[in-house]
Amino acid sequence: MSTELESAIEQDLEPDFDREPQYRALSPAAVLALGLGLLSGLAFFDWVWAVFPAVGIVAGITAWRRIRSRPGELTGAPLAILGVVLSLACWVGGWGLLAYEYATEVPDGFARISYEELQPDTNTVGEYFPASAMELDGKQVFIKGYIYPTEQKTGIKQFTLCRDQGTCCFGGNPKLTDRIQVRVSDVRGINFNTWQNRVAGIFRVRPNNDPTGMAAIYYLDEARVIQ
């Protein structure tokens, strides 16, 4: 009996060199889901970056399903799950933070406006600014935009606020209704930056009589840049 037991043990302990280990490929979709999950942190900075967590969730779920249906061929389920968790957390957290900032960023007594309200009707000949802009004249408004680059970098007391970076910061020349001349109330001025600024002030409309077309028609007086 003992001889048979010893023989069985020896057979179990004997390595099987003929048996090849089964190779399982790492799911590319799982790797993609993790990468998108890491990039999803950008969703905390702007609404547009929500595309990363949205795609990351889809990629992660797709990868997880493929791995489950082909367990003998694919691996990487933990990466897919982690990608989904990161993407979902950043999506919910980022949009929650941005929604809170949007709801609380306008100072009391000021009205939020956008550059869309300042554009003339292209179908109306000779209209340089719309009636909606004139209705804002003299009112306290809040608007976001980018500082047009100048040689002065610190202590800036007057600057041009542009609609977007495409026409402002890369050598473009924004049209009149896409820029606002801002006069800062703080005697110390502000420093130049390349991010989107939140500005509150008294809106003014002053028809442009400059034959070169370079003078502004929209102004923000007694303005402050909200950090």
Protein backbone atom coordinates (compact mmCIF):
# COMPACT_ATOMS: atom_id res chain seq x y z
CA MET A 1 0.00 0.00 0.00
CA SER A 2 2.79 2.36 0.92
CA THR A 3 4.59 1.61 -2.30
CA GLU A 4 1.52 2.57 -4.35
CA LEU A 5 1.09 5.80 -2.35
CA GLU A 6 4.72 6.77 -2.83
CA SER A 7 4.42 6.13 -6.57
CA ALA A 8 1.33 8.34 -6.81
CA ILE A 9 3.04 11.16 -4.92
CA GLU A 10 6.09 10.97 -7.17
CA GLN A 11 3.88 11.20 -10.25
CA ASP A 12 2.10 14.28 -8.86
CA LEU A 13 5.38 15.97 -8.01
CA GLU A 14 6.96 15.21 -11.32
CA PRO A 15 6.91 18.33 -13.51
CA ASP A 16 5.07 18.08 -16.80
CA PHE A 17 7.45 19.62 -19.27
CA ASP A 18 5.23 18.72 -22.20
CA ARG A 19 2.33 20.87 -20.98
CA GLU A 20 2.49 24.39 -22.46
CA PRO A 21 1.10 27.29 -20.39
CA GLN A 22 -1.97 28.86 -21.98
CA TYR A 23 -1.27 32.39 -23.21
CA ARG A 24 -3.94 35.08 -22.70
CA ALA A 25 -3.62 38.44 -24.42
CA LEU A 26 -4.10 41.68 -22.54
CA SER A 27 -7.28 43.33 -23.82
CA PRO A 28 -6.47 46.55 -25.72
CA ALA A 29 -9.88 47.90 -24.74
CA ALA A 30 -8.99 47.41 -21.06
CA VAL A 31 -5.76 49.38 -21.50
CA LEU A 32 -7.68 52.09 -23.37
CA ALA A 33 -10.27 52.25 -20.58
CA LEU A 34 -7.57 52.75 -17.95
CA GLY A 35 -5.86 55.45 -20.02
CA LEU A 36 -9.13 57.31 -20.51
CA GLY A 37 -9.88 56.92 -16.81
CA LEU A 38 -6.63 58.70 -16.00
CA LEU A 39 -7.36 61.46 -18.54
CA SER A 40 -10.84 61.87 -17.10
CA GLY A 41 -9.39 64.16 -14.44
CA LEU A 42 -9.59 66.90 -17.08
CA ALA A 43 -13.38 66.83 -16.61
CA PHE A 44 -12.86 68.94 -13.49
CA PHE A 45 -11.63 71.87 -15.61
CA ASP A 46 -14.13 72.21 -18.46
CA TRP A 47 -17.40 70.68 -19.63
CA VAL A 48 -15.93 69.68 -22.97
CA TRP A 49 -13.46 67.25 -21.35
CA ALA A 50 -16.38 65.07 -20.23
CA VAL A 51 -15.78 63.21 -23.49
CA PHE A 52 -12.92 61.34 -21.80
CA PRO A 53 -14.93 59.76 -18.95
CA ALA A 54 -17.86 59.08 -21.29
CA VAL A 55 -15.70 57.13 -23.73
CA GLY A 56 -13.75 55.58 -20.84
CA ILE A 57 -16.91 54.08 -19.34
CA VAL A 58 -17.97 52.63 -22.70
CA ALA A 59 -14.48 51.21 -23.36
CA GLY A 60 -14.27 49.70 -19.87
CA ILE A 61 -17.65 48.00 -20.04
CA THR A 62 -16.91 46.72 -23.56
CA ALA A 63 -13.55 45.33 -22.45
CA TRP A 64 -15.03 43.65 -19.37
CA ARG A 65 -17.72 41.93 -21.45
CA ARG A 66 -15.21 40.68 -24.00
CA ILE A 67 -12.94 39.31 -21.30
CA ARG A 68 -15.84 37.50 -19.64
CA SER A 69 -16.96 35.97 -22.92
CA ARG A 70 -13.41 34.87 -23.84
CA PRO A 71 -11.71 34.02 -20.50
CA GLY A 72 -9.30 31.63 -22.14
CA GLU A 73 -8.04 34.24 -24.60
CA LEU A 74 -8.18 37.64 -22.88
CA THR A 75 -7.08 39.14 -19.58
CA GLY A 76 -7.16 42.62 -18.05
CA ALA A 77 -10.51 42.71 -16.27
CA PRO A 78 -9.05 44.65 -13.27
CA LEU A 79 -7.78 47.35 -15.65
CA ALA A 80 -11.17 47.64 -17.32
CA ILE A 81 -12.96 47.90 -13.96
CA LEU A 82 -10.48 50.48 -12.67
CA GLY A 83 -10.92 52.52 -15.85
CA VAL A 84 -14.69 52.54 -15.42
CA VAL A 85 -14.44 53.54 -11.75
CA LEU A 86 -12.03 56.41 -12.48
CA SER A 87 -14.07 57.64 -15.43
CA LEU A 88 -17.35 57.52 -13.53
CA ALA A 89 -15.88 59.27 -10.48
CA CYS A 90 -14.33 62.06 -12.57
CA TRP A 91 -17.46 62.48 -14.66
CA VAL A 92 -19.75 62.85 -11.66
CA GLY A 93 -17.24 64.84 -9.60
CA GLY A 94 -16.14 67.09 -12.46
CA TRP A 95 -19.62 67.99 -13.61
CA GLY A 96 -20.72 68.49 -10.02
CA LEU A 97 -17.87 70.92 -9.38
CA LEU A 98 -18.42 72.80 -12.65
CA ALA A 99 -22.16 73.03 -12.00
CA TYR A 100 -21.49 74.46 -8.54
CA GLU A 101 -19.01 77.00 -9.92
CA TYR A 102 -21.44 78.00 -12.66
CA ALA A 103 -24.24 78.53 -10.15
CA THR A 104 -22.12 80.61 -7.76
CA GLU A 105 -19.58 82.47 -9.93
CA VAL A 106 -21.74 85.48 -10.84
CA PRO A 107 -21.52 88.25 -8.19
CA ASP A 108 -24.73 89.55 -6.63
CA GLY A 109 -26.31 92.29 -8.68
CA PHE A 110 -24.66 91.22 -11.94
CA ALA A 111 -26.23 89.47 -14.93
CA ARG A 112 -24.46 86.74 -16.89
CA ILE A 113 -24.07 87.51 -20.60
CA SER A 114 -22.40 85.72 -23.49
CA TYR A 115 -20.74 86.79 -26.71
CA GLU A 116 -23.67 85.32 -28.64
CA GLU A 117 -25.85 88.17 -27.35
CA LEU A 118 -23.41 90.72 -28.78
CA GLN A 119 -23.40 89.48 -32.38
CA PRO A 120 -25.25 91.41 -35.12
CA ASP A 121 -27.74 89.73 -37.40
CA THR A 122 -25.83 88.79 -40.54
CA ASN A 123 -29.03 89.10 -42.55
CA THR A 124 -29.50 92.73 -41.56
CA VAL A 125 -27.49 95.06 -43.76
CA GLY A 126 -25.59 97.77 -41.89
CA GLU A 127 -26.14 96.32 -38.41
CA TYR A 128 -22.86 96.49 -36.50
CA PHE A 129 -24.29 95.46 -33.13
CA PRO A 130 -27.72 94.11 -32.16
CA ALA A 131 -30.48 95.75 -30.16
CA SER A 132 -29.84 93.17 -27.42
CA ALA A 133 -26.41 94.73 -26.87
CA MET A 134 -27.92 98.20 -26.54
CA GLU A 135 -30.31 96.88 -23.92
CA LEU A 136 -27.28 95.92 -21.80
CA ASP A 137 -25.75 99.39 -21.97
CA GLY A 138 -25.11 100.73 -18.48
CA LYS A 139 -25.93 97.44 -16.73
CA GLN A 140 -23.72 95.39 -14.46
CA VAL A 141 -22.74 92.24 -16.33
CA PHE A 142 -20.56 89.17 -15.94
CA ILE A 143 -18.78 87.53 -18.87
CA LYS A 144 -15.91 85.12 -19.52
CA GLY A 145 -13.11 85.54 -22.02
CA TYR A 146 -9.38 85.54 -22.74
CA ILE A 147 -6.93 88.41 -22.48
CA TYR A 148 -5.58 89.54 -25.84
CA PRO A 149 -1.75 89.32 -25.69
CA THR A 150 0.12 92.59 -25.15
CA GLU A 151 3.70 93.56 -24.42
CA GLN A 152 2.75 94.51 -20.86
CA LYS A 153 2.59 91.48 -18.57
CA THR A 154 2.02 92.94 -15.10
CA GLY A 155 0.00 95.79 -13.65
CA ILE A 156 -2.39 95.81 -16.62
CA LYS A 157 -5.21 98.32 -16.06
CA GLN A 158 -6.79 98.10 -19.50
CA PHE A 159 -6.99 95.10 -21.82
CA THR A 160 -9.07 93.50 -24.56
CA LEU A 161 -11.19 90.55 -23.53
CA CYS A 162 -11.69 88.08 -26.42
CA ARG A 163 -14.26 85.41 -27.04
CA ASP A 164 -11.87 82.47 -27.47
CA GLN A 165 -8.21 81.56 -27.71
CA GLY A 166 -8.39 80.72 -31.39
CA THR A 167 -8.78 84.36 -32.40
CA CYS A 168 -6.96 85.80 -29.44
CA CYS A 169 -3.80 83.97 -28.51
CA PHE A 170 -2.55 82.49 -31.77
CA GLY A 171 -2.06 85.52 -33.96
CA GLY A 172 -5.70 86.00 -34.87
CA ASN A 173 -7.55 89.27 -35.18
CA PRO A 174 -10.96 88.89 -33.48
CA LYS A 175 -13.87 90.79 -34.97
CA LEU A 176 -15.23 93.83 -33.11
CA THR A 177 -18.18 92.02 -31.58
CA ASP A 178 -15.88 89.26 -30.26
CA ARG A 179 -13.86 91.62 -28.08
CA ILE A 180 -14.56 93.93 -25.17
CA GLN A 181 -12.32 96.71 -23.94
CA VAL A 182 -11.95 96.23 -20.18
CA ARG A 183 -10.94 98.95 -17.75
CA VAL A 184 -9.93 97.51 -14.41
CA SER A 185 -11.03 99.28 -11.24
CA ASP A 186 -8.14 97.91 -9.16
CA VAL A 187 -5.34 100.49 -9.22
CA ARG A 188 -2.79 97.65 -9.03
CA GLY A 189 -4.03 96.20 -12.30
CA ILE A 190 -3.82 92.51 -13.18
CA ASN A 191 -1.20 90.17 -14.60
CA PHE A 192 -1.41 88.66 -18.07
CA ASN A 193 -2.53 85.03 -18.29
CA THR A 194 -3.66 82.55 -20.95
CA TRP A 195 -6.61 80.96 -19.16
CA GLN A 196 -10.28 81.94 -19.31
CA ASN A 197 -11.03 84.93 -17.09
CA ARG A 198 -14.25 85.80 -15.29
CA VAL A 199 -14.88 89.54 -15.50
CA ALA A 200 -17.63 91.70 -13.97
CA GLY A 201 -18.22 95.36 -14.72
CA ILE A 202 -20.52 98.00 -16.20
CA PHE A 203 -21.26 97.27 -19.83
CA ARG A 204 -21.04 100.10 -22.34
CA VAL A 205 -21.79 100.33 -26.05
CA ARG A 206 -19.89 103.04 -27.89
CA PRO A 207 -20.26 103.05 -31.69
CA ASN A 208 -16.96 102.60 -33.47
CA ASN A 209 -15.96 105.68 -35.49
CA ASP A 210 -12.43 104.48 -36.16
CA PRO A 211 -11.96 104.21 -39.94
CA THR A 212 -9.35 101.48 -39.46
CA GLY A 213 -11.93 99.29 -37.74
CA MET A 214 -9.58 98.60 -34.84
CA ALA A 215 -11.35 100.47 -32.03
CA ALA A 216 -13.76 98.57 -29.79
CA ILE A 217 -17.50 99.13 -29.58
CA TYR A 218 -18.04 97.17 -26.35
CA TYR A 219 -16.56 98.23 -23.02
CA LEU A 220 -16.54 97.07 -19.42
CA ASP A 221 -15.92 99.97 -17.05
CA GLU A 222 -15.04 99.70 -13.36
CA ALA A 223 -14.34 96.03 -14.01
CA ARG A 224 -12.84 93.40 -11.76
CA VAL A 225 -11.35 90.08 -12.68
CA ILE A 226 -12.71 87.41 -10.37
CA GLN A 227 -10.19 84.80 -9.32
